[in-house]
């Protein structure tokens, strides 16, 4: 009885994770459109940031489906790169330059 419940739970988690992967993939496609067509640069920056967050979610869901912890490092790496990229884009949009050089 307990083994049946465990098997049912595992199959249910796999099905829900696969559905979530499909929905997130569709979301990434729509965000790619926004990043390419976006009317303003801030719209493009937000779309690219959201694509990164969706990629983190995809990696996490793939780790659930594959029953592995190997993708946890990938999620952390994407998060760090997203943070650095968001700071760089915000600085560029504010000042027009990412690295300030003082030529005194």
Protein backbone atom coordinates (compact mmCIF):
# COMPACT_ATOMS: atom_id res chain seq x y z
CA UNK A 1 0.00 0.00 0.00
CA UNK A 2 2.76 2.41 0.97
CA UNK A 3 4.78 1.56 -2.15
CA UNK A 4 1.76 2.31 -4.33
CA UNK A 5 1.34 5.72 -2.71
CA UNK A 6 5.03 6.50 -3.19
CA UNK A 7 4.90 5.47 -6.85
CA UNK A 8 1.77 7.58 -7.41
CA UNK A 9 3.40 10.59 -5.76
CA UNK A 10 6.56 10.27 -7.84
CA UNK A 11 4.62 10.01 -11.09
CA UNK A 12 2.46 12.98 -10.11
CA UNK A 13 5.54 15.11 -9.35
CA UNK A 14 7.07 14.17 -12.70
CA UNK A 15 3.89 15.03 -14.60
CA UNK A 16 3.49 18.40 -12.88
CA UNK A 17 7.19 19.20 -13.40
CA UNK A 18 6.93 18.40 -17.13
CA UNK A 19 3.84 20.61 -17.45
CA UNK A 20 5.72 23.42 -15.70
CA UNK A 21 8.69 22.95 -18.04
CA UNK A 22 6.41 23.35 -21.08
CA UNK A 23 4.77 26.48 -19.63
CA UNK A 24 8.13 28.04 -18.78
CA UNK A 25 9.45 27.22 -22.27
CA UNK A 26 6.47 29.04 -23.79
CA UNK A 27 7.16 31.95 -21.45
CA UNK A 28 10.80 32.08 -22.58
CA UNK A 29 9.68 32.22 -26.23
CA UNK A 30 7.35 35.14 -25.49
CA UNK A 31 10.09 36.90 -23.52
CA UNK A 32 12.51 36.44 -26.42
CA UNK A 33 10.01 38.26 -28.62
CA UNK A 34 9.83 41.08 -26.07
CA UNK A 35 13.63 41.24 -25.82
CA UNK A 36 14.00 41.51 -29.59
CA UNK A 37 11.04 43.78 -30.39
CA UNK A 38 10.69 45.62 -27.06
CA UNK A 39 9.90 49.28 -27.63
CA UNK A 40 12.48 50.58 -25.13
CA UNK A 41 15.77 49.43 -23.68
CA UNK A 42 14.38 49.00 -20.15
CA UNK A 43 11.74 46.64 -21.60
CA UNK A 44 14.51 44.60 -23.18
CA UNK A 45 16.48 44.56 -19.92
CA UNK A 46 13.48 43.32 -17.93
CA UNK A 47 12.74 40.67 -20.56
CA UNK A 48 16.33 39.39 -20.47
CA UNK A 49 16.28 39.31 -16.67
CA UNK A 50 13.04 37.33 -16.73
CA UNK A 51 14.50 34.92 -19.28
CA UNK A 52 17.34 34.26 -16.86
CA UNK A 53 14.95 33.62 -13.98
CA UNK A 54 12.97 31.24 -16.19
CA UNK A 55 16.18 29.41 -17.10
CA UNK A 56 16.91 29.02 -13.40
CA UNK A 57 13.44 27.56 -12.92
CA UNK A 58 13.94 25.21 -15.88
CA UNK A 59 17.22 23.96 -14.40
CA UNK A 60 15.53 23.38 -11.05
CA UNK A 61 12.65 21.51 -12.64
CA UNK A 62 15.05 19.41 -14.70
CA UNK A 63 16.84 18.51 -11.46
CA UNK A 64 13.51 17.36 -10.04
CA UNK A 65 12.62 15.30 -13.12
CA UNK A 66 16.08 13.74 -13.37
CA UNK A 67 16.28 13.23 -9.58
CA UNK A 68 19.75 14.75 -9.30
CA UNK A 69 21.46 17.54 -7.40
CA UNK A 70 24.02 18.21 -10.12
CA UNK A 71 22.00 21.10 -11.54
CA UNK A 72 21.99 23.07 -8.28
CA UNK A 73 25.35 24.59 -9.20
CA UNK A 74 23.91 25.63 -12.56
CA UNK A 75 21.05 27.44 -10.83
CA UNK A 76 23.46 29.30 -8.55
CA UNK A 77 25.75 30.24 -11.44
CA UNK A 78 22.86 31.59 -13.50
CA UNK A 79 21.71 33.61 -10.48
CA UNK A 80 25.14 35.17 -9.98
CA UNK A 81 25.47 36.02 -13.67
CA UNK A 82 21.97 37.50 -13.69
CA UNK A 83 22.81 39.74 -10.75
CA UNK A 84 26.00 41.02 -12.39
CA UNK A 85 24.21 41.52 -15.71
CA UNK A 86 21.32 43.39 -14.11
CA UNK A 87 23.73 45.74 -12.33
CA UNK A 88 25.63 46.36 -15.58
CA UNK A 89 22.47 47.06 -17.58
CA UNK A 90 21.10 49.38 -14.88
CA UNK A 91 24.38 51.30 -14.79
CA UNK A 92 24.44 51.54 -18.58
CA UNK A 93 20.86 52.78 -18.74
CA UNK A 94 21.55 55.36 -16.03
CA UNK A 95 24.95 56.71 -17.12
CA UNK A 96 25.44 55.42 -20.66
CA UNK A 97 28.70 53.68 -19.72
CA UNK A 98 29.38 50.58 -17.66
CA UNK A 99 33.02 51.14 -16.63
CA UNK A 100 33.96 54.69 -15.72
CA UNK A 101 37.51 55.69 -16.56
CA UNK A 102 39.10 58.71 -14.98
CA UNK A 103 41.78 60.03 -17.29
CA UNK A 104 43.29 62.57 -14.89
